[in-house]
């Protein structure tokens, strides 16, 4: 297992132009950034390109880091904001109709929602595609919020720290998001 780096010392070395310090910072921050990107990756974006963009932003804005929170928290917020900006730029918010689903996704929907089960690994892949379509109907911030809570398992306090939103705002948004998803699913249930 890698030894943890001394971030403060590494930052000082980087400011003096030490290239190896920059490489250590990248190695330290890469897992944090890649996890956030994988979860919040906008459609039509390549994971590696977005990670590289976030790393470039990180080093361009590193002079703004004040050290009052761990560097990984600061970079997490920058990563999440970058992903949300990409999602907003794509304006992903289509309505999903039954006819938009592939035959496999239709079968998975029937098996999952009506029968309460999936049959095999292929169904799991189609279920994932179906969930992606459902989540694409949400605004970028709402999509990321539901993923942080229901996929990553973050507490409301952790999300508040990352987003800067109050816990009550997060609760209200989650309530609204879940209602919106429920309505989308009910619309699919009433297929033509």
N, C-alpha and C. Protein backbone atom coordinates (compact mmCIF):
# COMPACT_ATOMS: atom_id res chain seq x y z
N UNK A 1 0.85 -1.19 0.00
CA UNK A 1 0.00 0.00 0.00
C UNK A 1 0.88 1.24 0.00
N UNK A 2 0.49 2.26 -0.76
CA UNK A 2 1.26 3.49 -0.85
C UNK A 2 1.22 4.25 0.47
N UNK A 3 2.33 4.89 0.76
CA UNK A 3 2.40 5.72 1.96
C UNK A 3 1.65 7.02 1.69
N UNK A 4 0.91 7.54 2.66
CA UNK A 4 0.23 8.82 2.45
C UNK A 4 1.27 9.93 2.28
N UNK A 5 0.94 10.88 1.45
CA UNK A 5 1.88 11.96 1.21
C UNK A 5 1.62 13.10 2.18
N UNK A 6 2.65 13.89 2.42
CA UNK A 6 2.52 15.10 3.21
C UNK A 6 2.10 16.19 2.23
N UNK A 7 0.80 16.48 2.19
CA UNK A 7 0.25 17.38 1.18
C UNK A 7 0.85 18.77 1.30
N UNK A 8 0.95 19.30 2.50
CA UNK A 8 1.48 20.65 2.68
C UNK A 8 2.91 20.76 2.14
N UNK A 9 3.72 19.79 2.47
CA UNK A 9 5.11 19.79 2.00
C UNK A 9 5.15 19.62 0.48
N UNK A 10 4.29 18.76 -0.03
CA UNK A 10 4.23 18.52 -1.47
C UNK A 10 3.83 19.79 -2.21
N UNK A 11 2.87 20.53 -1.65
CA UNK A 11 2.45 21.78 -2.26
C UNK A 11 3.58 22.81 -2.27
N UNK A 12 4.34 22.87 -1.18
CA UNK A 12 5.48 23.78 -1.13
C UNK A 12 6.52 23.43 -2.20
N UNK A 13 6.78 22.13 -2.33
CA UNK A 13 7.74 21.69 -3.35
C UNK A 13 7.23 22.02 -4.75
N UNK A 14 5.93 21.82 -4.97
CA UNK A 14 5.35 22.12 -6.28
C UNK A 14 5.47 23.61 -6.59
N UNK A 15 5.22 24.47 -5.59
CA UNK A 15 5.32 25.91 -5.80
C UNK A 15 6.74 26.34 -6.15
N UNK A 16 7.72 25.58 -5.69
CA UNK A 16 9.12 25.87 -6.03
C UNK A 16 9.51 25.28 -7.38
N UNK A 17 8.55 24.62 -8.05
CA UNK A 17 8.81 24.09 -9.39
C UNK A 17 9.26 22.65 -9.44
N UNK A 18 9.11 21.92 -8.34
CA UNK A 18 9.52 20.52 -8.29
C UNK A 18 8.49 19.66 -9.04
N UNK A 19 8.90 19.13 -10.20
CA UNK A 19 8.00 18.34 -11.04
C UNK A 19 7.56 17.04 -10.34
N UNK A 20 8.44 16.45 -9.56
CA UNK A 20 8.07 15.20 -8.88
C UNK A 20 6.97 15.45 -7.84
N UNK A 21 6.91 16.65 -7.27
CA UNK A 21 5.85 16.99 -6.33
C UNK A 21 4.51 17.05 -7.06
N UNK A 22 4.51 17.59 -8.28
CA UNK A 22 3.28 17.63 -9.08
C UNK A 22 2.81 16.22 -9.39
N UNK A 23 3.73 15.34 -9.71
CA UNK A 23 3.39 13.95 -10.00
C UNK A 23 2.82 13.25 -8.76
N UNK A 24 3.39 13.54 -7.58
CA UNK A 24 2.87 12.97 -6.34
C UNK A 24 1.44 13.47 -6.07
N UNK A 25 1.21 14.76 -6.31
CA UNK A 25 -0.13 15.32 -6.10
C UNK A 25 -1.14 14.67 -7.06
N UNK A 26 -0.73 14.49 -8.30
CA UNK A 26 -1.63 13.84 -9.28
C UNK A 26 -1.95 12.42 -8.83
N UNK A 27 -0.93 11.68 -8.42
CA UNK A 27 -1.16 10.30 -7.96
C UNK A 27 -2.07 10.28 -6.73
N UNK A 28 -1.96 11.27 -5.88
CA UNK A 28 -2.77 11.35 -4.66
C UNK A 28 -4.22 11.73 -4.99
N UNK A 29 -4.42 12.64 -5.95
CA UNK A 29 -5.75 13.16 -6.25
C UNK A 29 -6.50 12.36 -7.31
N UNK A 30 -5.78 11.63 -8.13
CA UNK A 30 -6.41 10.90 -9.24
C UNK A 30 -7.54 9.98 -8.79
N UNK A 31 -7.37 9.16 -7.74
CA UNK A 31 -8.48 8.28 -7.34
C UNK A 31 -9.73 9.05 -6.90
N UNK A 32 -9.55 10.17 -6.25
CA UNK A 32 -10.68 10.99 -5.79
C UNK A 32 -11.42 11.55 -7.00
N UNK A 33 -10.67 12.10 -7.93
CA UNK A 33 -11.27 12.70 -9.12
C UNK A 33 -11.95 11.65 -9.98
N UNK A 34 -11.28 10.53 -10.21
CA UNK A 34 -11.84 9.52 -11.10
C UNK A 34 -13.12 8.92 -10.54
N UNK A 35 -13.21 8.76 -9.22
CA UNK A 35 -14.43 8.24 -8.61
C UNK A 35 -15.59 9.19 -8.85
N UNK A 36 -15.38 10.47 -8.68
CA UNK A 36 -16.43 11.46 -8.88
C UNK A 36 -16.82 11.52 -10.36
N UNK A 37 -15.84 11.50 -11.23
CA UNK A 37 -16.12 11.55 -12.67
C UNK A 37 -16.92 10.32 -13.11
N UNK A 38 -16.52 9.13 -12.65
CA UNK A 38 -17.23 7.92 -13.04
C UNK A 38 -18.70 7.97 -12.66
N UNK A 39 -18.99 8.53 -11.50
CA UNK A 39 -20.37 8.58 -11.02
C UNK A 39 -21.17 9.69 -11.70
N UNK A 40 -20.54 10.81 -11.97
CA UNK A 40 -21.26 11.97 -12.49
C UNK A 40 -20.91 12.25 -13.95
N UNK A 41 -20.37 11.27 -14.67
CA UNK A 41 -19.93 11.47 -16.03
C UNK A 41 -21.09 11.82 -16.95
N UNK A 42 -21.00 12.97 -17.59
CA UNK A 42 -22.04 13.33 -18.55
C UNK A 42 -21.96 12.44 -19.79
N UNK A 43 -23.09 12.27 -20.45
CA UNK A 43 -23.08 11.52 -21.70
C UNK A 43 -22.19 12.22 -22.71
N UNK A 44 -21.66 11.45 -23.61
CA UNK A 44 -20.80 11.94 -24.68
C UNK A 44 -19.49 12.52 -24.16
N UNK A 45 -19.14 12.28 -22.94
CA UNK A 45 -17.86 12.71 -22.39
C UNK A 45 -16.99 11.49 -22.16
N UNK A 46 -15.71 11.64 -22.42
CA UNK A 46 -14.78 10.55 -22.16
C UNK A 46 -14.19 10.77 -20.77
N UNK A 47 -14.18 9.71 -19.99
CA UNK A 47 -13.74 9.78 -18.60
C UNK A 47 -12.33 10.37 -18.48
N UNK A 48 -11.39 9.85 -19.27
CA UNK A 48 -10.01 10.32 -19.17
C UNK A 48 -9.87 11.80 -19.52
N UNK A 49 -10.64 12.25 -20.52
CA UNK A 49 -10.58 13.66 -20.91
C UNK A 49 -11.08 14.56 -19.79
N UNK A 50 -12.16 14.14 -19.15
CA UNK A 50 -12.73 14.94 -18.07
C UNK A 50 -11.80 14.95 -16.85
N UNK A 51 -11.20 13.81 -16.55
CA UNK A 51 -10.24 13.75 -15.43
C UNK A 51 -9.07 14.69 -15.71
N UNK A 52 -8.57 14.65 -16.94
CA UNK A 52 -7.45 15.53 -17.29
C UNK A 52 -7.85 17.00 -17.19
N UNK A 53 -9.06 17.32 -17.63
CA UNK A 53 -9.54 18.70 -17.52
C UNK A 53 -9.61 19.14 -16.06
N UNK A 54 -10.09 18.26 -15.19
CA UNK A 54 -10.18 18.59 -13.76
C UNK A 54 -8.78 18.75 -13.16
N UNK A 55 -7.86 17.89 -13.54
CA UNK A 55 -6.49 18.03 -13.04
C UNK A 55 -5.88 19.36 -13.50
N UNK A 56 -6.14 19.74 -14.74
CA UNK A 56 -5.61 21.02 -15.22
C UNK A 56 -6.23 22.18 -14.45
N UNK A 57 -7.55 22.12 -14.20
CA UNK A 57 -8.20 23.16 -13.40
C UNK A 57 -7.63 23.19 -11.99
N UNK A 58 -7.37 22.00 -11.45
CA UNK A 58 -6.83 21.93 -10.10
C UNK A 58 -5.51 22.67 -10.00
N UNK A 59 -4.61 22.38 -10.91
CA UNK A 59 -3.30 23.03 -10.85
C UNK A 59 -3.38 24.51 -11.21
N UNK A 60 -4.32 24.88 -12.07
CA UNK A 60 -4.49 26.29 -12.42
C UNK A 60 -5.05 27.09 -11.23
N UNK A 61 -5.85 26.44 -10.38
CA UNK A 61 -6.49 27.13 -9.26
C UNK A 61 -5.86 26.79 -7.91
N UNK A 62 -4.80 26.02 -7.93
CA UNK A 62 -4.19 25.57 -6.68
C UNK A 62 -3.74 26.72 -5.79
N UNK A 63 -3.43 27.86 -6.40
CA UNK A 63 -3.03 29.03 -5.60
C UNK A 63 -4.19 29.53 -4.72
N UNK A 64 -5.45 29.14 -5.07
CA UNK A 64 -6.62 29.55 -4.29
C UNK A 64 -6.87 28.65 -3.08
N UNK A 65 -6.21 27.50 -3.05
CA UNK A 65 -6.39 26.58 -1.94
C UNK A 65 -5.78 27.17 -0.68
N UNK A 66 -6.61 27.30 0.36
CA UNK A 66 -6.17 27.97 1.59
C UNK A 66 -5.70 27.00 2.66
N UNK A 67 -5.97 25.73 2.51
CA UNK A 67 -5.52 24.75 3.49
C UNK A 67 -6.41 24.61 4.70
N UNK A 68 -7.60 25.23 4.69
CA UNK A 68 -8.49 25.13 5.85
C UNK A 68 -9.31 23.85 5.84
N UNK A 69 -9.26 23.10 4.76
CA UNK A 69 -9.90 21.79 4.65
C UNK A 69 -8.92 20.89 3.91
N UNK A 70 -9.08 19.58 4.01
CA UNK A 70 -8.17 18.70 3.28
C UNK A 70 -8.21 18.99 1.78
N UNK A 71 -7.09 18.85 1.12
CA UNK A 71 -6.98 19.11 -0.31
C UNK A 71 -7.97 18.24 -1.09
N UNK A 72 -8.17 17.01 -0.64
CA UNK A 72 -9.09 16.12 -1.36
C UNK A 72 -10.52 16.66 -1.32
N UNK A 73 -10.93 17.34 -0.25
CA UNK A 73 -12.26 17.94 -0.19
C UNK A 73 -12.38 19.07 -1.20
N UNK A 74 -11.34 19.89 -1.25
CA UNK A 74 -11.31 21.03 -2.18
C UNK A 74 -11.37 20.52 -3.61
N UNK A 75 -10.61 19.49 -3.92
CA UNK A 75 -10.59 18.93 -5.26
C UNK A 75 -11.91 18.22 -5.57
N UNK A 76 -12.53 17.58 -4.57
CA UNK A 76 -13.83 16.94 -4.78
C UNK A 76 -14.87 17.96 -5.21
N UNK A 77 -14.86 19.09 -4.55
CA UNK A 77 -15.83 20.14 -4.89
C UNK A 77 -15.58 20.67 -6.31
N UNK A 78 -14.32 20.87 -6.66
CA UNK A 78 -13.95 21.31 -8.00
C UNK A 78 -14.37 20.27 -9.04
N UNK A 79 -14.16 19.00 -8.73
CA UNK A 79 -14.53 17.91 -9.64
C UNK A 79 -16.04 17.86 -9.84
N UNK A 80 -16.78 17.92 -8.76
CA UNK A 80 -18.24 17.87 -8.84
C UNK A 80 -18.77 19.06 -9.62
N UNK A 81 -18.26 20.23 -9.36
CA UNK A 81 -18.69 21.43 -10.07
C UNK A 81 -18.42 21.31 -11.57
N UNK A 82 -17.26 20.78 -11.93
CA UNK A 82 -16.91 20.61 -13.34
C UNK A 82 -17.87 19.63 -14.01
N UNK A 83 -18.16 18.52 -13.35
CA UNK A 83 -19.11 17.54 -13.91
C UNK A 83 -20.50 18.16 -14.06
N UNK A 84 -20.95 18.90 -13.05
CA UNK A 84 -22.26 19.53 -13.12
C UNK A 84 -22.32 20.55 -14.25
N UNK A 85 -21.24 21.31 -14.42
CA UNK A 85 -21.19 22.28 -15.52
C UNK A 85 -21.30 21.59 -16.87
N UNK A 86 -20.64 20.45 -17.02
CA UNK A 86 -20.72 19.68 -18.26
C UNK A 86 -22.14 19.18 -18.49
N UNK A 87 -22.77 18.68 -17.43
CA UNK A 87 -24.14 18.19 -17.55
C UNK A 87 -25.09 19.32 -17.93
N UNK A 88 -24.92 20.48 -17.30
CA UNK A 88 -25.78 21.62 -17.62
C UNK A 88 -25.59 22.06 -19.06
N UNK A 89 -24.34 22.03 -19.52
CA UNK A 89 -24.05 22.45 -20.89
C UNK A 89 -24.74 21.55 -21.91
N UNK A 90 -24.91 20.30 -21.57
CA UNK A 90 -25.56 19.37 -22.49
C UNK A 90 -27.08 19.49 -22.42
N UNK A 91 -27.58 20.16 -21.39
CA UNK A 91 -29.02 20.33 -21.19
C UNK A 91 -29.75 19.00 -21.34
N UNK A 92 -29.26 18.01 -20.63
CA UNK A 92 -29.88 16.69 -20.67
C UNK A 92 -31.10 16.72 -19.77
N UNK A 93 -32.25 16.61 -20.38
CA UNK A 93 -33.48 16.53 -19.61
C UNK A 93 -34.62 16.04 -20.48
N UNK A 94 -34.38 14.97 -21.23
CA UNK A 94 -35.44 14.50 -22.12
C UNK A 94 -36.53 13.79 -21.34
N UNK A 95 -37.69 13.74 -21.95
CA UNK A 95 -38.77 12.94 -21.40
C UNK A 95 -38.61 11.54 -21.97
N UNK A 96 -38.83 10.53 -21.17
CA UNK A 96 -38.70 9.16 -21.64
C UNK A 96 -40.10 8.59 -21.89
N UNK A 97 -40.26 8.00 -23.05
CA UNK A 97 -41.51 7.31 -23.38
C UNK A 97 -41.21 5.83 -23.55
N UNK A 98 -42.24 5.03 -23.47
CA UNK A 98 -42.09 3.58 -23.61
C UNK A 98 -41.39 3.23 -24.92
N UNK A 99 -41.72 3.97 -25.96
CA UNK A 99 -41.14 3.69 -27.28
C UNK A 99 -39.65 4.02 -27.35
N UNK A 100 -39.16 4.80 -26.39
CA UNK A 100 -37.73 5.12 -26.35
C UNK A 100 -36.89 3.96 -25.82
N UNK A 101 -37.53 3.02 -25.15
CA UNK A 101 -36.80 1.90 -24.56
C UNK A 101 -36.51 0.84 -25.61
N UNK A 102 -35.34 0.22 -25.47
CA UNK A 102 -35.02 -0.92 -26.33
C UNK A 102 -35.87 -2.10 -25.88
N UNK A 103 -36.02 -3.12 -26.71
CA UNK A 103 -36.79 -4.29 -26.27
C UNK A 103 -36.22 -4.92 -24.99
N UNK A 104 -34.89 -4.92 -24.88
CA UNK A 104 -34.26 -5.48 -23.68
C UNK A 104 -34.59 -4.66 -22.45
N UNK A 105 -34.56 -3.31 -22.60
CA UNK A 105 -34.88 -2.44 -21.48
C UNK A 105 -36.35 -2.59 -21.09
N UNK A 106 -37.22 -2.78 -22.07
CA UNK A 106 -38.64 -3.01 -21.79
C UNK A 106 -38.83 -4.29 -20.98
N UNK A 107 -38.12 -5.34 -21.38
CA UNK A 107 -38.21 -6.61 -20.64
C UNK A 107 -37.71 -6.45 -19.21
N UNK A 108 -36.58 -5.73 -19.06
CA UNK A 108 -36.01 -5.51 -17.73
C UNK A 108 -36.97 -4.68 -16.89
N UNK A 109 -37.58 -3.66 -17.51
CA UNK A 109 -38.55 -2.84 -16.78
C UNK A 109 -39.68 -3.71 -16.26
N UNK A 110 -40.24 -4.54 -17.15
CA UNK A 110 -41.32 -5.43 -16.75
C UNK A 110 -40.88 -6.36 -15.63
N UNK A 111 -39.71 -6.98 -15.80
CA UNK A 111 -39.22 -7.94 -14.80
C UNK A 111 -38.94 -7.27 -13.47
N UNK A 112 -38.36 -6.08 -13.52
CA UNK A 112 -37.96 -5.41 -12.29
C UNK A 112 -39.15 -4.77 -11.59
N UNK A 113 -39.95 -3.98 -12.32
CA UNK A 113 -41.01 -3.21 -11.68
C UNK A 113 -42.24 -4.06 -11.38
N UNK A 114 -42.55 -4.97 -12.28
CA UNK A 114 -43.78 -5.73 -12.08
C UNK A 114 -43.56 -7.06 -11.39
N UNK A 115 -42.43 -7.72 -11.71
CA UNK A 115 -42.16 -9.03 -11.12
C UNK A 115 -41.20 -8.95 -9.95
N UNK A 116 -40.46 -7.84 -9.82
CA UNK A 116 -39.55 -7.66 -8.70
C UNK A 116 -38.24 -8.42 -8.81
N UNK A 117 -37.82 -8.79 -10.04
CA UNK A 117 -36.57 -9.53 -10.18
C UNK A 117 -35.96 -9.27 -11.55
N UNK A 118 -34.67 -9.62 -11.66
CA UNK A 118 -34.00 -9.64 -12.95
C UNK A 118 -33.50 -11.06 -13.17
N UNK A 119 -33.34 -11.42 -14.43
CA UNK A 119 -33.04 -12.81 -14.72
C UNK A 119 -31.56 -13.15 -14.76
N UNK A 120 -30.73 -12.34 -15.37
CA UNK A 120 -29.32 -12.69 -15.49
C UNK A 120 -28.45 -11.44 -15.59
N UNK A 121 -27.16 -11.65 -15.82
CA UNK A 121 -26.21 -10.53 -15.87
C UNK A 121 -26.53 -9.57 -17.01
N UNK A 122 -27.00 -10.09 -18.12
CA UNK A 122 -27.37 -9.22 -19.24
C UNK A 122 -28.49 -8.29 -18.83
N UNK A 123 -29.44 -8.80 -18.05
CA UNK A 123 -30.53 -7.96 -17.56
C UNK A 123 -30.00 -6.84 -16.67
N UNK A 124 -28.97 -7.14 -15.92
CA UNK A 124 -28.38 -6.12 -15.05
C UNK A 124 -27.81 -4.98 -15.90
N UNK A 125 -27.16 -5.32 -17.01
CA UNK A 125 -26.61 -4.30 -17.90
C UNK A 125 -27.75 -3.46 -18.49
N UNK A 126 -28.81 -4.12 -18.93
CA UNK A 126 -29.94 -3.38 -19.48
C UNK A 126 -30.63 -2.55 -18.40
N UNK A 127 -30.65 -3.06 -17.18
CA UNK A 127 -31.23 -2.30 -16.07
C UNK A 127 -30.42 -1.03 -15.82
N UNK A 128 -29.11 -1.17 -15.91
CA UNK A 128 -28.22 0.00 -15.73
C UNK A 128 -28.50 1.04 -16.81
N UNK A 129 -28.68 0.58 -18.05
CA UNK A 129 -29.01 1.50 -19.14
C UNK A 129 -30.35 2.19 -18.89
N UNK A 130 -31.31 1.43 -18.38
CA UNK A 130 -32.62 1.99 -18.07
C UNK A 130 -32.52 3.04 -16.96
N UNK A 131 -31.76 2.74 -15.94
CA UNK A 131 -31.56 3.70 -14.84
C UNK A 131 -30.88 4.96 -15.38
N UNK A 132 -29.89 4.80 -16.27
CA UNK A 132 -29.25 5.97 -16.87
C UNK A 132 -30.26 6.83 -17.62
N UNK A 133 -31.17 6.19 -18.34
CA UNK A 133 -32.20 6.95 -19.06
C UNK A 133 -33.11 7.69 -18.08
N UNK A 134 -33.49 7.01 -17.01
CA UNK A 134 -34.35 7.66 -16.01
C UNK A 134 -33.63 8.84 -15.37
N UNK A 135 -32.37 8.65 -15.03
CA UNK A 135 -31.61 9.73 -14.39
C UNK A 135 -31.35 10.89 -15.35
N UNK A 136 -31.30 10.60 -16.65
CA UNK A 136 -31.05 11.67 -17.62
C UNK A 136 -32.22 12.64 -17.71
N UNK A 137 -33.37 12.29 -17.15
CA UNK A 137 -34.51 13.20 -17.14
C UNK A 137 -34.38 14.26 -16.05
N UNK A 138 -33.42 14.08 -15.17
CA UNK A 138 -33.22 15.02 -14.06
C UNK A 138 -32.27 16.13 -14.44
N UNK A 139 -32.39 17.25 -13.74
CA UNK A 139 -31.41 18.32 -13.89
C UNK A 139 -30.07 17.81 -13.37
N UNK A 140 -28.99 18.43 -13.83
CA UNK A 140 -27.64 17.97 -13.50
C UNK A 140 -27.41 17.88 -11.99
N UNK A 141 -27.78 18.92 -11.26
CA UNK A 141 -27.56 18.91 -9.81
C UNK A 141 -28.39 17.84 -9.12
N UNK A 142 -29.61 17.65 -9.60
CA UNK A 142 -30.49 16.63 -9.00
C UNK A 142 -29.94 15.23 -9.27
N UNK A 143 -29.46 15.01 -10.48
CA UNK A 143 -28.87 13.71 -10.84
C UNK A 143 -27.69 13.40 -9.92
N UNK A 144 -26.82 14.38 -9.76
CA UNK A 144 -25.65 14.17 -8.92
C UNK A 144 -26.03 13.95 -7.47
N UNK A 145 -27.03 14.67 -6.99
CA UNK A 145 -27.47 14.53 -5.61
C UNK A 145 -28.01 13.12 -5.35
N UNK A 146 -28.86 12.63 -6.23
CA UNK A 146 -29.44 11.29 -6.02
C UNK A 146 -28.35 10.23 -6.10
N UNK A 147 -27.36 10.43 -6.96
CA UNK A 147 -26.25 9.48 -7.06
C UNK A 147 -25.39 9.49 -5.80
N UNK A 148 -25.14 10.69 -5.24
CA UNK A 148 -24.34 10.77 -4.02
C UNK A 148 -25.02 10.06 -2.86
N UNK A 149 -26.34 10.19 -2.78
CA UNK A 149 -27.08 9.58 -1.67
C UNK A 149 -27.29 8.09 -1.89
N UNK A 150 -27.88 7.75 -3.04
CA UNK A 150 -28.33 6.38 -3.24
C UNK A 150 -27.28 5.44 -3.83
N UNK A 151 -26.29 5.97 -4.53
CA UNK A 151 -25.26 5.09 -5.09
C UNK A 151 -24.01 5.09 -4.22
N UNK A 152 -23.56 6.29 -3.86
CA UNK A 152 -22.33 6.39 -3.07
C UNK A 152 -22.57 6.23 -1.58
N UNK A 153 -23.78 6.47 -1.13
CA UNK A 153 -24.10 6.31 0.28
C UNK A 153 -23.58 7.42 1.18
N UNK A 154 -23.41 8.62 0.62
CA UNK A 154 -22.95 9.74 1.44
C UNK A 154 -24.03 10.20 2.40
N UNK A 155 -23.62 10.66 3.55
CA UNK A 155 -24.57 11.22 4.50
C UNK A 155 -24.96 12.63 4.04
N UNK A 156 -26.06 13.12 4.58
CA UNK A 156 -26.51 14.46 4.22
C UNK A 156 -25.48 15.51 4.63
N UNK A 157 -24.80 15.27 5.73
CA UNK A 157 -23.77 16.20 6.20
C UNK A 157 -22.59 16.23 5.23
N UNK A 158 -22.18 15.06 4.74
CA UNK A 158 -21.08 15.00 3.78
C UNK A 158 -21.46 15.74 2.49
N UNK A 159 -22.68 15.55 2.05
CA UNK A 159 -23.14 16.21 0.84
C UNK A 159 -23.20 17.72 1.05
N UNK A 160 -23.65 18.12 2.23
CA UNK A 160 -23.69 19.54 2.56
C UNK A 160 -22.30 20.16 2.50
N UNK A 161 -21.33 19.43 3.01
CA UNK A 161 -19.94 19.90 2.99
C UNK A 161 -19.42 20.01 1.57
N UNK A 162 -19.78 19.05 0.72
CA UNK A 162 -19.29 19.03 -0.66
C UNK A 162 -19.98 20.08 -1.52
N UNK A 163 -21.29 20.23 -1.36
CA UNK A 163 -22.05 21.12 -2.23
C UNK A 163 -22.20 22.54 -1.69
N UNK A 164 -22.11 22.68 -0.36
CA UNK A 164 -22.35 23.98 0.24
C UNK A 164 -23.83 24.24 0.53
N UNK A 165 -24.69 23.25 0.27
CA UNK A 165 -26.12 23.37 0.53
C UNK A 165 -26.41 22.99 1.97
N UNK A 166 -27.47 23.53 2.54
CA UNK A 166 -27.90 23.15 3.87
C UNK A 166 -28.58 21.78 3.83
N UNK A 167 -28.59 21.10 4.96
CA UNK A 167 -29.18 19.76 5.05
C UNK A 167 -30.67 19.80 4.71
N UNK A 168 -31.38 20.84 5.16
CA UNK A 168 -32.81 20.91 4.86
C UNK A 168 -33.05 21.08 3.36
N UNK A 169 -32.21 21.84 2.68
CA UNK A 169 -32.33 22.00 1.23
C UNK A 169 -32.10 20.65 0.54
N UNK A 170 -31.12 19.90 1.02
CA UNK A 170 -30.83 18.58 0.44
C UNK A 170 -32.03 17.66 0.62
N UNK A 171 -32.62 17.66 1.82
CA UNK A 171 -33.79 16.80 2.07
C UNK A 171 -34.94 17.16 1.15
N UNK A 172 -35.21 18.44 0.99
CA UNK A 172 -36.30 18.88 0.13
C UNK A 172 -36.04 18.50 -1.33
N UNK A 173 -34.81 18.68 -1.78
CA UNK A 173 -34.49 18.32 -3.17
C UNK A 173 -34.63 16.82 -3.38
N UNK A 174 -34.17 16.02 -2.42
CA UNK A 174 -34.29 14.57 -2.54
C UNK A 174 -35.77 14.16 -2.62
N UNK A 175 -36.60 14.78 -1.81
CA UNK A 175 -38.03 14.49 -1.83
C UNK A 175 -38.60 14.81 -3.22
N UNK A 176 -38.26 15.97 -3.75
CA UNK A 176 -38.76 16.39 -5.05
C UNK A 176 -38.22 15.49 -6.16
N UNK A 177 -36.94 15.13 -6.11
CA UNK A 177 -36.31 14.27 -7.12
C UNK A 177 -36.98 12.90 -7.13
N UNK A 178 -37.17 12.34 -5.97
CA UNK A 178 -37.78 11.00 -5.90
C UNK A 178 -39.22 11.02 -6.42
N UNK A 179 -39.94 12.09 -6.15
CA UNK A 179 -41.30 12.22 -6.69
C UNK A 179 -41.27 12.32 -8.21
N UNK A 180 -40.31 13.08 -8.72
CA UNK A 180 -40.18 13.22 -10.17
C UNK A 180 -39.86 11.87 -10.82
N UNK A 181 -38.94 11.12 -10.23
CA UNK A 181 -38.60 9.80 -10.76
C UNK A 181 -39.80 8.85 -10.67
N UNK A 182 -40.54 8.93 -9.59
CA UNK A 182 -41.73 8.09 -9.43
C UNK A 182 -42.75 8.38 -10.53
N UNK A 183 -42.94 9.67 -10.85
CA UNK A 183 -43.87 10.05 -11.92
C UNK A 183 -43.38 9.55 -13.27
N UNK A 184 -42.09 9.62 -13.51
CA UNK A 184 -41.53 9.11 -14.77
C UNK A 184 -41.77 7.62 -14.90
N UNK A 185 -41.57 6.91 -13.82
CA UNK A 185 -41.80 5.45 -13.83
C UNK A 185 -43.28 5.14 -14.03
N UNK A 186 -44.14 5.92 -13.39
CA UNK A 186 -45.59 5.71 -13.56
C UNK A 186 -45.99 5.97 -15.02
N UNK A 187 -45.36 6.95 -15.64
CA UNK A 187 -45.64 7.22 -17.06
C UNK A 187 -45.23 6.01 -17.91
N UNK A 188 -44.10 5.42 -17.58
CA UNK A 188 -43.65 4.23 -18.32
C UNK A 188 -44.60 3.05 -18.09
N UNK A 189 -45.12 2.96 -16.89
CA UNK A 189 -46.05 1.86 -16.58
C UNK A 189 -47.33 1.96 -17.41
N UNK A 190 -47.68 3.17 -17.79
CA UNK A 190 -48.89 3.39 -18.58
C UNK A 190 -48.53 3.44 -20.07
N UNK A 191 -47.77 2.46 -20.49
CA UNK A 191 -47.29 2.43 -21.87
C UNK A 191 -48.45 2.45 -22.87
N UNK A 192 -48.15 2.90 -24.11
CA UNK A 192 -49.20 2.99 -25.13
C UNK A 192 -49.73 1.64 -25.53
